[in-house]
Protein backbone atom coordinates (compact mmCIF):
# COMPACT_ATOMS: atom_id res chain seq x y z
CA MET A 1 12.72 27.43 24.21
CA SER A 2 16.13 27.56 22.00
CA ASN A 3 19.24 29.40 23.43
CA SER A 4 20.02 30.68 20.14
CA SER A 5 21.99 33.52 20.35
CA GLU A 6 23.80 36.02 18.28
CA LYS A 7 27.62 37.20 18.45
CA THR A 8 29.32 39.54 16.32
CA LEU A 9 32.56 38.77 15.15
CA SER A 10 34.85 41.68 14.23
CA LYS A 11 34.92 41.84 10.36
CA ALA A 12 37.33 44.62 9.30
CA VAL A 13 38.88 44.23 5.58
CA SER A 14 38.53 40.42 5.48
CA PRO A 15 39.28 37.93 2.67
CA SER A 16 35.69 36.45 3.45
CA ILE A 17 33.97 39.38 2.90
CA ASP A 18 32.91 40.47 -1.03
CA PRO A 19 30.56 43.41 -0.02
CA ASP A 20 28.17 43.00 -3.33
CA GLU A 21 27.69 39.34 -2.35
CA VAL A 22 26.84 40.29 1.38
CA GLU A 23 24.01 42.47 0.27
CA LYS A 24 22.89 40.28 -2.61
CA PHE A 25 22.30 37.87 0.10
CA SER A 26 21.15 40.24 2.70
CA ARG A 27 18.34 41.22 0.29
CA ILE A 28 16.71 38.01 0.13
CA ALA A 29 17.58 36.83 3.44
CA SER A 30 13.91 36.43 4.69
CA GLU A 31 13.33 33.78 1.72
CA TRP A 32 15.57 31.16 3.23
CA TRP A 33 12.97 29.38 4.58
CA ASP A 34 10.60 29.52 1.70
CA PRO A 35 10.90 25.70 -0.09
CA LYS A 36 9.17 27.68 -3.13
CA GLY A 37 11.41 30.80 -3.30
CA LYS A 38 14.25 32.07 -4.17
CA PHE A 39 16.35 28.98 -2.57
CA ARG A 40 14.27 26.44 -3.59
CA PRO A 41 17.58 24.73 -5.25
CA LEU A 42 18.99 24.27 -1.60
CA HIS A 43 15.80 22.96 -0.43
CA LYS A 44 15.29 20.60 -3.74
CA PHE A 45 19.08 18.93 -3.05
CA ASN A 46 19.31 19.55 0.56
CA PRO A 47 18.18 15.87 1.48
CA THR A 48 21.35 14.47 -0.64
CA ARG A 49 23.61 16.63 0.91
CA LEU A 50 22.78 16.36 4.31
CA GLY A 51 22.68 12.46 3.85
CA PHE A 52 26.17 12.72 2.33
CA LEU A 53 27.34 14.46 5.38
CA ARG A 54 25.65 11.88 7.78
CA ASP A 55 27.28 9.23 6.11
CA LEU A 56 30.38 10.67 6.11
CA LEU A 57 30.42 12.09 9.60
CA VAL A 58 29.57 8.55 11.22
CA GLU A 59 31.91 6.58 9.25
CA HIS A 60 34.74 9.04 9.76
CA PHE A 61 34.13 9.72 13.84
CA LYS A 62 32.93 5.99 14.24
CA LEU A 63 29.34 6.85 15.69
CA ASP A 64 26.07 5.22 16.09
CA GLY A 65 24.79 5.93 12.52
CA ALA A 66 20.89 3.74 13.91
CA SER A 67 20.72 6.66 16.31
CA ALA A 68 18.59 9.56 15.92
CA THR A 69 21.10 12.00 17.15
CA PRO A 70 24.24 10.42 15.95
CA PHE A 71 26.51 13.47 15.77
CA SER A 72 26.03 13.76 20.04
CA GLY A 73 29.47 14.89 21.30
CA LEU A 74 30.52 16.49 17.92
CA LYS A 75 31.35 20.24 17.75
CA LEU A 76 30.73 21.51 13.93
CA LEU A 77 31.18 25.08 12.24
CA ASP A 78 28.77 26.03 9.37
CA ILE A 79 30.28 28.49 7.77
CA GLY A 80 28.70 30.81 5.35
CA CYS A 81 25.19 29.46 7.06
CA GLY A 82 23.13 31.55 5.18
CA GLY A 83 19.71 30.84 7.02
CA GLY A 84 20.61 27.86 8.78
CA LEU A 85 19.44 25.00 6.04
CA VAL A 86 22.38 22.54 7.24
CA THR A 87 22.99 24.48 10.60
CA GLU A 88 19.33 23.43 11.62
CA PRO A 89 19.50 19.07 10.36
CA MET A 90 23.01 19.02 12.30
CA ALA A 91 21.63 20.12 15.50
CA ARG A 92 18.70 18.04 15.42
CA MET A 93 20.81 15.03 14.63
CA GLY A 94 23.00 16.18 18.00
CA ALA A 95 25.78 18.26 16.86
CA ASP A 96 27.25 21.40 19.20
CA ILE A 97 26.86 23.59 16.04
CA MET A 98 27.94 27.13 15.40
CA GLY A 99 26.61 28.99 12.31
CA VAL A 100 28.52 31.66 10.54
CA ASP A 101 27.39 34.13 8.07
CA ALA A 102 28.59 37.77 6.69
CA SER A 103 25.39 39.06 6.23
CA GLU A 104 23.76 39.86 9.75
CA ALA A 105 20.17 39.59 7.90
CA ASN A 106 21.09 36.17 7.08
CA ILE A 107 22.10 35.26 10.79
CA LYS A 108 18.97 37.20 12.61
CA THR A 109 16.35 34.87 9.97
CA ALA A 110 18.32 31.50 10.97
CA MET A 111 18.01 32.76 14.95
CA VAL A 112 14.12 33.40 14.31
CA HIS A 113 13.71 29.93 13.00
CA ALA A 114 15.77 28.15 14.96
CA GLU A 115 14.12 29.95 17.94
CA GLN A 116 10.64 28.73 16.09
CA SER A 117 11.64 25.45 15.94
CA GLY A 118 13.19 24.80 19.65
CA LEU A 119 16.59 24.58 18.44
CA THR A 120 20.11 25.62 20.56
CA ILE A 121 22.34 26.70 17.84
CA ASP A 122 25.25 29.41 18.72
CA TYR A 123 24.95 32.08 15.30
CA ARG A 124 27.70 34.42 14.71
CA ALA A 125 27.40 37.26 12.20
CA GLY A 126 30.96 37.53 11.09
CA THR A 127 34.03 35.65 9.16
CA ALA A 128 36.09 32.53 9.41
CA GLU A 129 39.20 34.67 9.79
CA ALA A 130 37.71 36.26 13.09
CA LEU A 131 36.60 33.39 14.72
CA GLY A 132 40.42 32.22 14.62
CA ASP A 133 41.21 35.74 15.91
CA ALA A 134 39.03 35.36 19.03
CA GLY A 135 40.37 31.86 19.80
CA GLU A 136 37.09 29.93 18.74
CA GLY A 137 37.45 26.22 17.80
CA PRO A 138 38.84 24.29 17.05
CA PHE A 139 35.80 21.93 15.34
CA ASP A 140 35.55 18.42 14.64
CA ALA A 141 34.59 19.30 11.56
CA VAL A 142 33.74 22.54 9.25
CA LEU A 143 30.86 22.75 6.76
CA ASN A 144 31.96 24.91 3.76
CA LEU A 145 29.23 24.75 1.47
CA GLU A 146 28.39 26.85 -1.11
CA ILE A 147 30.35 29.66 -0.11
CA ILE A 148 33.56 29.58 -1.24
CA GLU A 149 32.52 31.03 -4.73
CA HIS A 150 31.18 34.18 -3.11
CA VAL A 151 33.98 35.36 -0.92
CA ALA A 152 36.83 38.06 -1.80
CA ASP A 153 39.80 35.60 -1.73
CA PRO A 154 39.38 32.19 -1.74
CA GLU A 155 42.30 30.79 -1.23
CA ALA A 156 42.97 32.56 2.13
CA PHE A 157 39.52 32.06 3.19
CA LEU A 158 39.87 28.19 2.45
CA LYS A 159 42.93 28.30 4.53
CA ASP A 160 41.58 30.32 7.40
CA CYS A 161 38.85 27.47 7.50
CA VAL A 162 41.36 24.66 7.45
CA SER A 163 43.06 26.40 10.76
CA LEU A 164 39.87 25.90 12.70
CA VAL A 165 39.61 22.08 11.98
CA LYS A 166 41.33 19.74 15.04
CA PRO A 167 44.20 17.13 14.33
CA GLY A 168 41.94 14.14 13.15
CA GLY A 169 39.13 16.40 11.59
CA LEU A 170 37.35 16.90 8.49
CA MET A 171 35.99 19.89 6.04
CA VAL A 172 33.69 19.28 3.34
CA VAL A 173 33.70 22.11 0.74
CA ALA A 174 30.89 22.23 -1.83
CA THR A 175 30.53 24.60 -4.49
CA LEU A 176 30.54 24.84 -8.57
CA ASN A 177 33.38 23.46 -10.81
CA LYS A 178 34.79 26.55 -13.65
CA THR A 179 33.90 24.17 -16.78
CA PHE A 180 31.55 25.07 -19.69
CA LYS A 181 28.76 22.92 -18.39
CA SER A 182 29.05 24.28 -15.25
CA LEU A 183 28.47 27.79 -17.22
CA ALA A 184 25.46 26.64 -19.42
CA LEU A 185 23.74 24.77 -16.48
CA ALA A 186 24.62 26.46 -12.88
CA LYS A 187 24.70 29.80 -14.39
CA ILE A 188 23.02 30.49 -18.10
CA GLY A 189 20.72 27.74 -16.83
CA ALA A 190 19.68 28.05 -13.30
CA GLU A 191 19.82 31.88 -13.21
CA TYR A 192 18.39 33.16 -17.02
CA ILE A 193 16.37 30.31 -18.37
CA LEU A 194 14.65 27.96 -15.59
CA ARG A 195 14.78 31.24 -13.37
CA TRP A 196 15.83 28.75 -10.10
CA LEU A 197 17.89 31.52 -8.93
CA PRO A 198 17.90 35.04 -9.05
CA PRO A 199 19.80 36.48 -12.21
CA GLY A 200 23.27 37.38 -11.14
CA THR A 201 23.51 34.99 -7.86
CA HIS A 202 26.76 33.46 -9.41
CA ASP A 203 30.06 34.95 -10.92
CA PHE A 204 31.82 32.29 -13.24
CA GLU A 205 34.79 34.30 -12.74
CA LYS A 206 34.63 32.81 -9.31
CA PHE A 207 33.88 28.89 -9.68
CA LEU A 208 36.45 26.42 -8.87
CA SER A 209 38.12 23.59 -10.05
CA PRO A 210 38.46 20.25 -7.55
CA ASP A 211 42.25 20.27 -8.38
CA GLN A 212 42.68 23.91 -6.89
CA ILE A 213 40.49 23.54 -3.63
CA CYS A 214 42.33 20.52 -3.19
CA ASP A 215 46.03 22.35 -3.72
CA TRP A 216 45.16 24.93 -1.34
CA MET A 217 43.90 22.32 1.21
CA ALA A 218 46.78 20.75 0.72
CA ASP A 219 49.39 23.53 1.44
CA ALA A 220 47.36 24.41 4.58
CA GLY A 221 48.05 20.90 5.54
CA MET A 222 44.73 18.79 4.59
CA LEU A 223 44.52 15.61 2.10
CA CYS A 224 41.83 15.48 -0.13
CA ASP A 225 39.80 12.49 -1.19
CA ASP A 226 38.54 12.25 -4.73
CA PRO A 227 35.86 14.74 -5.53
CA VAL A 228 32.27 13.89 -5.21
CA GLY A 229 29.48 15.21 -7.84
CA VAL A 230 25.70 16.12 -6.77
CA SER A 231 23.79 15.88 -10.09
CA TYR A 232 20.38 16.58 -11.11
CA ASN A 233 17.78 14.19 -12.75
CA PRO A 234 15.22 16.73 -14.81
CA LEU A 235 13.03 13.73 -15.70
CA MET A 236 12.73 12.83 -12.12
CA ASP A 237 13.03 16.18 -10.48
CA ARG A 238 15.97 15.00 -8.16
CA TRP A 239 19.44 15.56 -6.95
CA SER A 240 21.65 12.43 -6.06
CA ILE A 241 25.26 11.77 -5.59
CA SER A 242 27.07 10.92 -8.41
CA ASN A 243 30.62 10.68 -10.34
CA ASP A 244 29.98 13.95 -12.60
CA THR A 245 31.84 16.40 -11.01
CA ASP A 246 31.47 19.10 -13.81
CA VAL A 247 28.73 21.00 -12.07
CA ASN A 248 28.43 20.78 -8.32
CA TYR A 249 30.79 18.92 -6.41
CA MET A 250 31.87 18.27 -3.00
CA VAL A 251 35.73 17.73 -1.72
CA VAL A 252 36.09 16.13 1.67
CA GLY A 253 39.25 17.61 2.88
CA ARG A 254 41.18 15.52 6.31
CA LYS A 255 43.69 17.05 8.89
CA ALA A 256 46.37 14.14 10.07
CA SER A 257 45.80 13.72 13.80
């Protein structure tokens, strides 16, 4: 049996919450775990993203990469966890992980799936700043994946997340670059032509460049690695890590010990 529990964090006026974004994802919360549904793109590139995260954490924390549960002893936060598509694999690899999302519907979906999977995950409905106010953390690593482009104040949100990382820890930010290529492929192509995502899922005005992310991280006391691209090959219908950061990219931030 799972001991997954839901706690609600204070969600007063918050830079993490854009009410329209929360409502948008709440309406489709029940579809998180359908690999052919509205979150199909996340299911498709999740293995690539998880492989990157596994290798990164194993290397940084000098863990046993041959173990089935290499993250045993690590305390992780998945902020903006949605239905738990990353949270659950991290728990399976041994992490003590907390999943936090502003949408209570998403959290309830994540809790039910964790219960069905026999996993122990601490799920919370709330925000990054509420975690800090509640004295939670610090965490060995914060996973900040495909969420910053949906918050009201990305700079404040990012700095709140950095404050939750312990000295010597990591934060991984994954988002969409603000380029014409990203507008064409991730917005117009994915939402209106290929119909991979519901129209209106993303707002191009909220896309951010790696330089902007890294500048904000530096202001908060965290240094960035060079950004890493996540690219789609339509002929092979496969995602992979690449040097092309024009559309999807990830940035690793490291906090000094």
